[in-house]
PDB file of N, CA and C in Angstrom:
ATOM      1  N   MET A   1      64.323 -64.294 -92.838  1.00  0.00           N
ATOM      2  CA  MET A   1      64.515 -63.419 -93.981  1.00  0.00           C
ATOM      3  C   MET A   1      65.974 -63.447 -94.401  1.00  0.00           C
ATOM      4  N   SER A   2      66.196 -63.457 -95.674  1.00  0.00           N
ATOM      5  CA  SER A   2      67.563 -63.502 -96.171  1.00  0.00           C
ATOM      6  C   SER A   2      68.063 -62.104 -96.493  1.00  0.00           C
ATOM      7  N   ALA A   3      69.383 -62.008 -96.654  1.00  0.00           N
ATOM      8  CA  ALA A   3      69.983 -60.712 -96.991  1.00  0.00           C
ATOM      9  C   ALA A   3      69.520 -60.226 -98.348  1.00  0.00           C
ATOM     10  N   SER A   4      69.148 -61.124 -99.223  1.00  0.00           N
ATOM     11  CA  SER A   4      68.682 -60.709-100.551  1.00  0.00           C
ATOM     12  C   SER A   4      67.316 -60.029-100.485  1.00  0.00           C
ATOM     13  N   ASP A   5      66.587 -60.227 -99.383  1.00  0.00           N
ATOM     14  CA  ASP A   5      65.298 -59.566 -99.191  1.00  0.00           C
ATOM     15  C   ASP A   5      65.439 -58.168 -98.611  1.00  0.00           C
ATOM     16  N   ALA A   6      66.647 -57.808 -98.201  1.00  0.00           N
ATOM     17  CA  ALA A   6      66.875 -56.506 -97.572  1.00  0.00           C
ATOM     18  C   ALA A   6      66.551 -55.385 -98.561  1.00  0.00           C
ATOM     19  N   PRO A   7      66.008 -54.287 -98.050  1.00  0.00           N
ATOM     20  CA  PRO A   7      65.701 -53.168 -98.946  1.00  0.00           C
ATOM     21  C   PRO A   7      66.973 -52.582 -99.542  1.00  0.00           C
ATOM     22  N   ARG A   8      66.939 -52.304-100.821  1.00  0.00           N
ATOM     23  CA  ARG A   8      68.078 -51.699-101.520  1.00  0.00           C
ATOM     24  C   ARG A   8      67.922 -50.192-101.461  1.00  0.00           C
ATOM     25  N   LEU A   9      69.023 -49.499-101.260  1.00  0.00           N
ATOM     26  CA  LEU A   9      69.002 -48.056-101.032  1.00  0.00           C
ATOM     27  C   LEU A   9      68.332 -47.296-102.177  1.00  0.00           C
ATOM     28  N   LEU A  10      68.867 -47.384-103.385  1.00  0.00           N
ATOM     29  CA  LEU A  10      68.328 -46.592-104.495  1.00  0.00           C
ATOM     30  C   LEU A  10      66.921 -47.020-104.882  1.00  0.00           C
ATOM     31  N   ALA A  11      66.671 -48.307-104.854  1.00  0.00           N
ATOM     32  CA  ALA A  11      65.325 -48.789-105.190  1.00  0.00           C
ATOM     33  C   ALA A  11      64.304 -48.288-104.174  1.00  0.00           C
ATOM     34  N   THR A  12      64.699 -48.213-102.918  1.00  0.00           N
ATOM     35  CA  THR A  12      63.794 -47.729-101.875  1.00  0.00           C
ATOM     36  C   THR A  12      63.609 -46.225-101.963  1.00  0.00           C
ATOM     37  N   VAL A  13      64.712 -45.493-102.112  1.00  0.00           N
ATOM     38  CA  VAL A  13      64.656 -44.027-102.140  1.00  0.00           C
ATOM     39  C   VAL A  13      63.849 -43.517-103.334  1.00  0.00           C
ATOM     40  N   PHE A  14      63.966 -44.174-104.474  1.00  0.00           N
ATOM     41  CA  PHE A  14      63.266 -43.715-105.673  1.00  0.00           C
ATOM     42  C   PHE A  14      61.979 -44.493-105.946  1.00  0.00           C
ATOM     43  N   SER A  15      61.478 -45.172-104.923  1.00  0.00           N
ATOM     44  CA  SER A  15      60.194 -45.867-105.072  1.00  0.00           C
ATOM     45  C   SER A  15      59.054 -44.864-104.942  1.00  0.00           C
ATOM     46  N   ALA A  16      57.896 -45.228-105.445  1.00  0.00           N
ATOM     47  CA  ALA A  16      56.737 -44.327-105.384  1.00  0.00           C
ATOM     48  C   ALA A  16      56.360 -43.945-103.948  1.00  0.00           C
ATOM     49  N   PRO A  17      56.346 -44.899-103.004  1.00  0.00           N
ATOM     50  CA  PRO A  17      56.004 -44.497-101.630  1.00  0.00           C
ATOM     51  C   PRO A  17      56.997 -43.502-101.031  1.00  0.00           C
ATOM     52  N   SER A  18      58.268 -43.692-101.318  1.00  0.00           N
ATOM     53  CA  SER A  18      59.282 -42.770-100.804  1.00  0.00           C
ATOM     54  C   SER A  18      59.159 -41.401-101.446  1.00  0.00           C
ATOM     55  N   LEU A  19      59.060 -41.357-102.754  1.00  0.00           N
ATOM     56  CA  LEU A  19      58.975 -40.075-103.455  1.00  0.00           C
ATOM     57  C   LEU A  19      57.721 -39.298-103.062  1.00  0.00           C
ATOM     58  N   SER A  20      56.626 -40.022-102.851  1.00  0.00           N
ATOM     59  CA  SER A  20      55.381 -39.327-102.497  1.00  0.00           C
ATOM     60  C   SER A  20      55.463 -38.680-101.117  1.00  0.00           C
ATOM     61  N   ARG A  21      56.379 -39.138-100.276  1.00  0.00           N
ATOM     62  CA  ARG A  21      56.561 -38.534 -98.958  1.00  0.00           C
ATOM     63  C   ARG A  21      57.713 -37.528 -98.949  1.00  0.00           C
ATOM     64  N   CYS A  22      58.799 -37.857 -99.601  1.00  0.00           N
ATOM     65  CA  CYS A  22      60.025 -37.061 -99.497  1.00  0.00           C
ATOM     66  C   CYS A  22      60.029 -35.824-100.397  1.00  0.00           C
ATOM     67  N   VAL A  23      59.432 -35.903-101.560  1.00  0.00           N
ATOM     68  CA  VAL A  23      59.416 -34.746-102.464  1.00  0.00           C
ATOM     69  C   VAL A  23      58.633 -33.577-101.874  1.00  0.00           C
ATOM     70  N   PRO A  24      57.433 -33.795-101.324  1.00  0.00           N
ATOM     71  CA  PRO A  24      56.739 -32.649-100.711  1.00  0.00           C
ATOM     72  C   PRO A  24      57.520 -32.027 -99.544  1.00  0.00           C
ATOM     73  N   ILE A  25      58.186 -32.855 -98.770  1.00  0.00           N
ATOM     74  CA  ILE A  25      59.017 -32.334 -97.674  1.00  0.00           C
ATOM     75  C   ILE A  25      60.127 -31.471 -98.238  1.00  0.00           C
ATOM     76  N   ALA A  26      60.808 -31.961 -99.277  1.00  0.00           N
ATOM     77  CA  ALA A  26      61.904 -31.211 -99.886  1.00  0.00           C
ATOM     78  C   ALA A  26      61.414 -29.897-100.484  1.00  0.00           C
ATOM     79  N   ILE A  27      60.251 -29.909-101.081  1.00  0.00           N
ATOM     80  CA  ILE A  27      59.704 -28.681-101.678  1.00  0.00           C
ATOM     81  C   ILE A  27      59.393 -27.654-100.594  1.00  0.00           C
ATOM     82  N   LEU A  28      58.731 -28.090 -99.539  1.00  0.00           N
ATOM     83  CA  LEU A  28      58.379 -27.169 -98.460  1.00  0.00           C
ATOM     84  C   LEU A  28      59.623 -26.610 -97.763  1.00  0.00           C
ATOM     85  N   VAL A  29      60.488 -27.495 -97.306  1.00  0.00           N
ATOM     86  CA  VAL A  29      61.675 -27.061 -96.567  1.00  0.00           C
ATOM     87  C   VAL A  29      62.625 -26.295 -97.483  1.00  0.00           C
ATOM     88  N   GLY A  30      62.816 -26.768 -98.706  1.00  0.00           N
ATOM     89  CA  GLY A  30      63.707 -26.080 -99.643  1.00  0.00           C
ATOM     90  C   GLY A  30      63.240 -24.674 -99.965  1.00  0.00           C
ATOM     91  N   THR A  31      61.927 -24.511-100.126  1.00  0.00           N
ATOM     92  CA  THR A  31      61.380 -23.187-100.398  1.00  0.00           C
ATOM     93  C   THR A  31      61.591 -22.259 -99.209  1.00  0.00           C
ATOM     94  N   LEU A  32      61.302 -22.750 -98.015  1.00  0.00           N
ATOM     95  CA  LEU A  32      61.500 -21.933 -96.817  1.00  0.00           C
ATOM     96  C   LEU A  32      62.971 -21.543 -96.643  1.00  0.00           C
ATOM     97  N   LEU A  33      63.872 -22.506 -96.812  1.00  0.00           N
ATOM     98  CA  LEU A  33      65.300 -22.211 -96.688  1.00  0.00           C
ATOM     99  C   LEU A  33      65.750 -21.205 -97.742  1.00  0.00           C
ATOM    100  N   SER A  34      65.264 -21.366 -98.954  1.00  0.00           N
ATOM    101  CA  SER A  34      65.652 -20.453-100.030  1.00  0.00           C
ATOM    102  C   SER A  34      65.143 -19.044 -99.757  1.00  0.00           C
ATOM    103  N   LEU A  35      63.917 -18.935 -99.267  1.00  0.00           N
ATOM    104  CA  LEU A  35      63.379 -17.613 -98.945  1.00  0.00           C
ATOM    105  C   LEU A  35      64.168 -16.952 -97.819  1.00  0.00           C
ATOM    106  N   VAL A  36      64.493 -17.720 -96.791  1.00  0.00           N
ATOM    107  CA  VAL A  36      65.231 -17.169 -95.657  1.00  0.00           C
ATOM    108  C   VAL A  36      66.666 -16.818 -96.044  1.00  0.00           C
ATOM    109  N   ASN A  37      67.332 -17.712 -96.749  1.00  0.00           N
ATOM    110  CA  ASN A  37      68.762 -17.544 -96.999  1.00  0.00           C
ATOM    111  C   ASN A  37      69.107 -16.767 -98.261  1.00  0.00           C
ATOM    112  N   GLN A  38      68.324 -16.885 -99.319  1.00  0.00           N
ATOM    113  CA  GLN A  38      68.640 -16.209-100.574  1.00  0.00           C
ATOM    114  C   GLN A  38      67.525 -15.308-101.078  1.00  0.00           C
ATOM    115  N   GLY A  39      66.466 -15.177-100.331  1.00  0.00           N
ATOM    116  CA  GLY A  39      65.311 -14.417-100.787  1.00  0.00           C
ATOM    117  C   GLY A  39      65.623 -12.983-101.171  1.00  0.00           C
ATOM    118  N   THR A  40      66.374 -12.279-100.345  1.00  0.00           N
ATOM    119  CA  THR A  40      66.666 -10.870-100.648  1.00  0.00           C
ATOM    120  C   THR A  40      67.567 -10.735-101.869  1.00  0.00           C
ATOM    121  N   VAL A  41      68.503 -11.659-102.020  1.00  0.00           N
ATOM    122  CA  VAL A  41      69.407 -11.611-103.174  1.00  0.00           C
ATOM    123  C   VAL A  41      68.620 -11.860-104.459  1.00  0.00           C
ATOM    124  N   ILE A  42      67.735 -12.832-104.432  1.00  0.00           N
ATOM    125  CA  ILE A  42      66.930 -13.150-105.616  1.00  0.00           C
ATOM    126  C   ILE A  42      65.963 -12.004-105.914  1.00  0.00           C
ATOM    127  N   ALA A  43      65.302 -11.490-104.874  1.00  0.00           N
ATOM    128  CA  ALA A  43      64.335 -10.400-105.067  1.00  0.00           C
ATOM    129  C   ALA A  43      64.987  -9.127-105.597  1.00  0.00           C
ATOM    130  N   SER A  44      66.238  -8.889-105.217  1.00  0.00           N
ATOM    131  CA  SER A  44      66.929  -7.683-105.677  1.00  0.00           C
ATOM    132  C   SER A  44      67.479  -7.842-107.096  1.00  0.00           C
ATOM    133  N   GLY A  45      67.432  -9.054-107.624  1.00  0.00           N
ATOM    134  CA  GLY A  45      67.934  -9.299-108.971  1.00  0.00           C
ATOM    135  C   GLY A  45      69.441  -9.508-109.028  1.00  0.00           C
ATOM    136  N   ASP A  46      70.055  -9.721-107.869  1.00  0.00           N
ATOM    137  CA  ASP A  46      71.505  -9.895-107.810  1.00  0.00           C
ATOM    138  C   ASP A  46      71.938 -11.350-107.707  1.00  0.00           C
ATOM    139  N   ALA A  47      71.064 -12.277-108.044  1.00  0.00           N
ATOM    140  CA  ALA A  47      71.389 -13.698-107.939  1.00  0.00           C
ATOM    141  C   ALA A  47      72.438 -14.079-108.968  1.00  0.00           C
ATOM    142  N   THR A  48      73.443 -14.781-108.510  1.00  0.00           N
ATOM    143  CA  THR A  48      74.505 -15.286-109.385  1.00  0.00           C
ATOM    144  C   THR A  48      74.328 -16.796-109.540  1.00  0.00           C
ATOM    145  N   ALA A  49      75.213 -17.390-110.294  1.00  0.00           N
ATOM    146  CA  ALA A  49      75.175 -18.851-110.434  1.00  0.00           C
ATOM    147  C   ALA A  49      75.368 -19.510-109.073  1.00  0.00           C
ATOM    148  N   ALA A  50      76.207 -18.940-108.242  1.00  0.00           N
ATOM    149  CA  ALA A  50      76.433 -19.495-106.903  1.00  0.00           C
ATOM    150  C   ALA A  50      75.146 -19.459-106.075  1.00  0.00           C
ATOM    151  N   THR A  51      74.363 -18.408-106.232  1.00  0.00           N
ATOM    152  CA  THR A  51      73.084 -18.310-105.521  1.00  0.00           C
ATOM    153  C   THR A  51      72.168 -19.451-105.932  1.00  0.00           C
ATOM    154  N   TRP A  52      72.088 -19.700-107.220  1.00  0.00           N
ATOM    155  CA  TRP A  52      71.201 -20.756-107.701  1.00  0.00           C
ATOM    156  C   TRP A  52      71.692 -22.153-107.291  1.00  0.00           C
ATOM    157  N   TRP A  53      73.003 -22.336-107.171  1.00  0.00           N
ATOM    158  CA  TRP A  53      73.533 -23.594-106.650  1.00  0.00           C
ATOM    159  C   TRP A  53      73.099 -23.779-105.198  1.00  0.00           C
ATOM    160  N   ARG A  54      73.146 -22.686-104.426  1.00  0.00           N
ATOM    161  CA  ARG A  54      72.693 -22.749-103.034  1.00  0.00           C
ATOM    162  C   ARG A  54      71.205 -23.100-102.961  1.00  0.00           C
ATOM    163  N   VAL A  55      70.425 -22.517-103.837  1.00  0.00           N
ATOM    164  CA  VAL A  55      68.996 -22.829-103.876  1.00  0.00           C
ATOM    165  C   VAL A  55      68.798 -24.312-104.189  1.00  0.00           C
ATOM    166  N   LEU A  56      69.532 -24.829-105.153  1.00  0.00           N
ATOM    167  CA  LEU A  56      69.441 -26.252-105.490  1.00  0.00           C
ATOM    168  C   LEU A  56      69.733 -27.116-104.269  1.00  0.00           C
ATOM    169  N   PHE A  57      70.787 -26.778-103.540  1.00  0.00           N
ATOM    170  CA  PHE A  57      71.133 -27.559-102.351  1.00  0.00           C
ATOM    171  C   PHE A  57      70.098 -27.391-101.243  1.00  0.00           C
ATOM    172  N   ASN A  58      69.413 -26.246-101.215  1.00  0.00           N
ATOM    173  CA  ASN A  58      68.336 -26.060-100.241  1.00  0.00           C
ATOM    174  C   ASN A  58      67.211 -27.069-100.468  1.00  0.00           C
ATOM    175  N   TYR A  59      67.048 -27.556-101.670  1.00  0.00           N
ATOM    176  CA  TYR A  59      66.048 -28.578-101.972  1.00  0.00           C
ATOM    177  C   TYR A  59      66.634 -29.986-101.843  1.00  0.00           C
ATOM    178  N   LEU A  60      67.878 -30.145-102.249  1.00  0.00           N
ATOM    179  CA  LEU A  60      68.508 -31.460-102.239  1.00  0.00           C
ATOM    180  C   LEU A  60      68.731 -31.999-100.834  1.00  0.00           C
ATOM    181  N   VAL A  61      69.188 -31.149 -99.932  1.00  0.00           N
ATOM    182  CA  VAL A  61      69.500 -31.608 -98.573  1.00  0.00           C
ATOM    183  C   VAL A  61      68.259 -32.142 -97.855  1.00  0.00           C
ATOM    184  N   PRO A  62      67.133 -31.419 -97.832  1.00  0.00           N
ATOM    185  CA  PRO A  62      65.964 -32.009 -97.166  1.00  0.00           C
ATOM    186  C   PRO A  62      65.460 -33.287 -97.845  1.00  0.00           C
ATOM    187  N   PHE A  63      65.625 -33.377 -99.176  1.00  0.00           N
ATOM    188  CA  PHE A  63      65.237 -34.609 -99.859  1.00  0.00           C
ATOM    189  C   PHE A  63      66.099 -35.764 -99.371  1.00  0.00           C
ATOM    190  N   CYS A  64      67.406 -35.542 -99.277  1.00  0.00           N
ATOM    191  CA  CYS A  64      68.317 -36.603 -98.813  1.00  0.00           C
ATOM    192  C   CYS A  64      68.034 -36.988 -97.366  1.00  0.00           C
ATOM    193  N   VAL A  65      67.772 -36.008 -96.515  1.00  0.00           N
ATOM    194  CA  VAL A  65      67.499 -36.292 -95.106  1.00  0.00           C
ATOM    195  C   VAL A  65      66.194 -37.075 -94.951  1.00  0.00           C
ATOM    196  N   SER A  66      65.142 -36.649 -95.620  1.00  0.00           N
ATOM    197  CA  SER A  66      63.874 -37.369 -95.496  1.00  0.00           C
ATOM    198  C   SER A  66      63.961 -38.750 -96.151  1.00  0.00           C
ATOM    199  N   SER A  67      64.725 -38.881 -97.215  1.00  0.00           N
ATOM    200  CA  SER A  67      64.920 -40.186 -97.852  1.00  0.00           C
ATOM    201  C   SER A  67      65.702 -41.127 -96.949  1.00  0.00           C
ATOM    202  N   ALA A  68      66.691 -40.584 -96.257  1.00  0.00           N
ATOM    203  CA  ALA A  68      67.461 -41.410 -95.317  1.00  0.00           C
ATOM    204  C   ALA A  68      66.561 -41.907 -94.192  1.00  0.00           C
ATOM    205  N   GLY A  69      65.681 -41.051 -93.711  1.00  0.00           N
ATOM    206  CA  GLY A  69      64.733 -41.473 -92.682  1.00  0.00           C
ATOM    207  C   GLY A  69      63.780 -42.539 -93.187  1.00  0.00           C
ATOM    208  N   PHE A  70      63.294 -42.371 -94.400  1.00  0.00           N
ATOM    209  CA  PHE A  70      62.395 -43.359 -95.002  1.00  0.00           C
ATOM    210  C   PHE A  70      63.106 -44.697 -95.142  1.00  0.00           C
ATOM    211  N   PHE A  71      64.346 -44.665 -95.643  1.00  0.00           N
ATOM    212  CA  PHE A  71      65.100 -45.904 -95.837  1.00  0.00           C
ATOM    213  C   PHE A  71      65.388 -46.585 -94.504  1.00  0.00           C
ATOM    214  N   SER A  72      65.782 -45.804 -93.497  1.00  0.00           N
ATOM    215  CA  SER A  72      66.107 -46.420 -92.206  1.00  0.00           C
ATOM    216  C   SER A  72      64.866 -47.047 -91.574  1.00  0.00           C
ATOM    217  N   CYS A  73      63.715 -46.450 -91.792  1.00  0.00           N
ATOM    218  CA  CYS A  73      62.465 -47.023 -91.297  1.00  0.00           C
ATOM    219  C   CYS A  73      62.174 -48.350 -91.991  1.00  0.00           C
ATOM    220  N   ARG A  74      62.351 -48.369 -93.294  1.00  0.00           N
ATOM    221  CA  ARG A  74      62.121 -49.613 -94.049  1.00  0.00           C
ATOM    222  C   ARG A  74      63.118 -50.700 -93.634  1.00  0.00           C
ATOM    223  N   ARG A  75      64.374 -50.306 -93.417  1.00  0.00           N
ATOM    224  CA  ARG A  75      65.393 -51.264 -93.018  1.00  0.00           C
ATOM    225  C   ARG A  75      65.092 -51.821 -91.624  1.00  0.00           C
ATOM    226  N   ALA A  76      64.672 -50.964 -90.708  1.00  0.00           N
ATOM    227  CA  ALA A  76      64.315 -51.412 -89.357  1.00  0.00           C
ATOM    228  C   ALA A  76      63.146 -52.383 -89.403  1.00  0.00           C
ATOM    229  N   ALA A  77      62.147 -52.073 -90.226  1.00  0.00           N
ATOM    230  CA  ALA A  77      60.998 -52.965 -90.372  1.00  0.00           C
ATOM    231  C   ALA A  77      61.434 -54.312 -90.941  1.00  0.00           C
ATOM    232  N   TRP A  78      62.358 -54.296 -91.876  1.00  0.00           N
ATOM    233  CA  TRP A  78      62.864 -55.553 -92.459  1.00  0.00           C
ATOM    234  C   TRP A  78      63.583 -56.368 -91.398  1.00  0.00           C
ATOM    235  N   ARG A  79      64.405 -55.689 -90.592  1.00  0.00           N
ATOM    236  CA  ARG A  79      65.180 -56.410 -89.562  1.00  0.00           C
ATOM    237  C   ARG A  79      64.282 -57.047 -88.506  1.00  0.00           C
ATOM    238  N   THR A  80      63.196 -56.384 -88.168  1.00  0.00           N
ATOM    239  CA  THR A  80      62.305 -56.938 -87.142  1.00  0.00           C
ATOM    240  C   THR A  80      61.235 -57.844 -87.734  1.00  0.00           C
ATOM    241  N   GLY A  81      61.153 -57.840 -89.074  1.00  0.00           N
ATOM    242  CA  GLY A  81      60.191 -58.702 -89.738  1.00  0.00           C
ATOM    243  C   GLY A  81      58.772 -58.166 -89.725  1.00  0.00           C
ATOM    244  N   THR A  82      58.612 -56.842 -89.522  1.00  0.00           N
ATOM    245  CA  THR A  82      57.274 -56.267 -89.455  1.00  0.00           C
ATOM    246  C   THR A  82      56.813 -55.611 -90.732  1.00  0.00           C
ATOM    247  N   ARG A  83      57.642 -55.510 -91.700  1.00  0.00           N
ATOM    248  CA  ARG A  83      57.341 -54.891 -92.992  1.00  0.00           C
ATOM    249  C   ARG A  83      55.998 -54.265 -92.985  1.00  0.00           C
TER     250      ARG A  83
END
């Protein structure tokens, strides 16, 4: 296998197989984190712009982590030739 056959980061992360696995994880974990960490602030109506930025990151971080795992799995499969 040549280096040109290696999985590309953005193409892999934003591929349909990756998104179909990583988006549900991000939604579940992001929702749980938001409820635990900002739930009372949002429920009380005291949410500021900073609160909503935190909520955004509560979804972004699990998406990035699960995408990194997906990519590393694909890269490992490429290296061993097991695709």
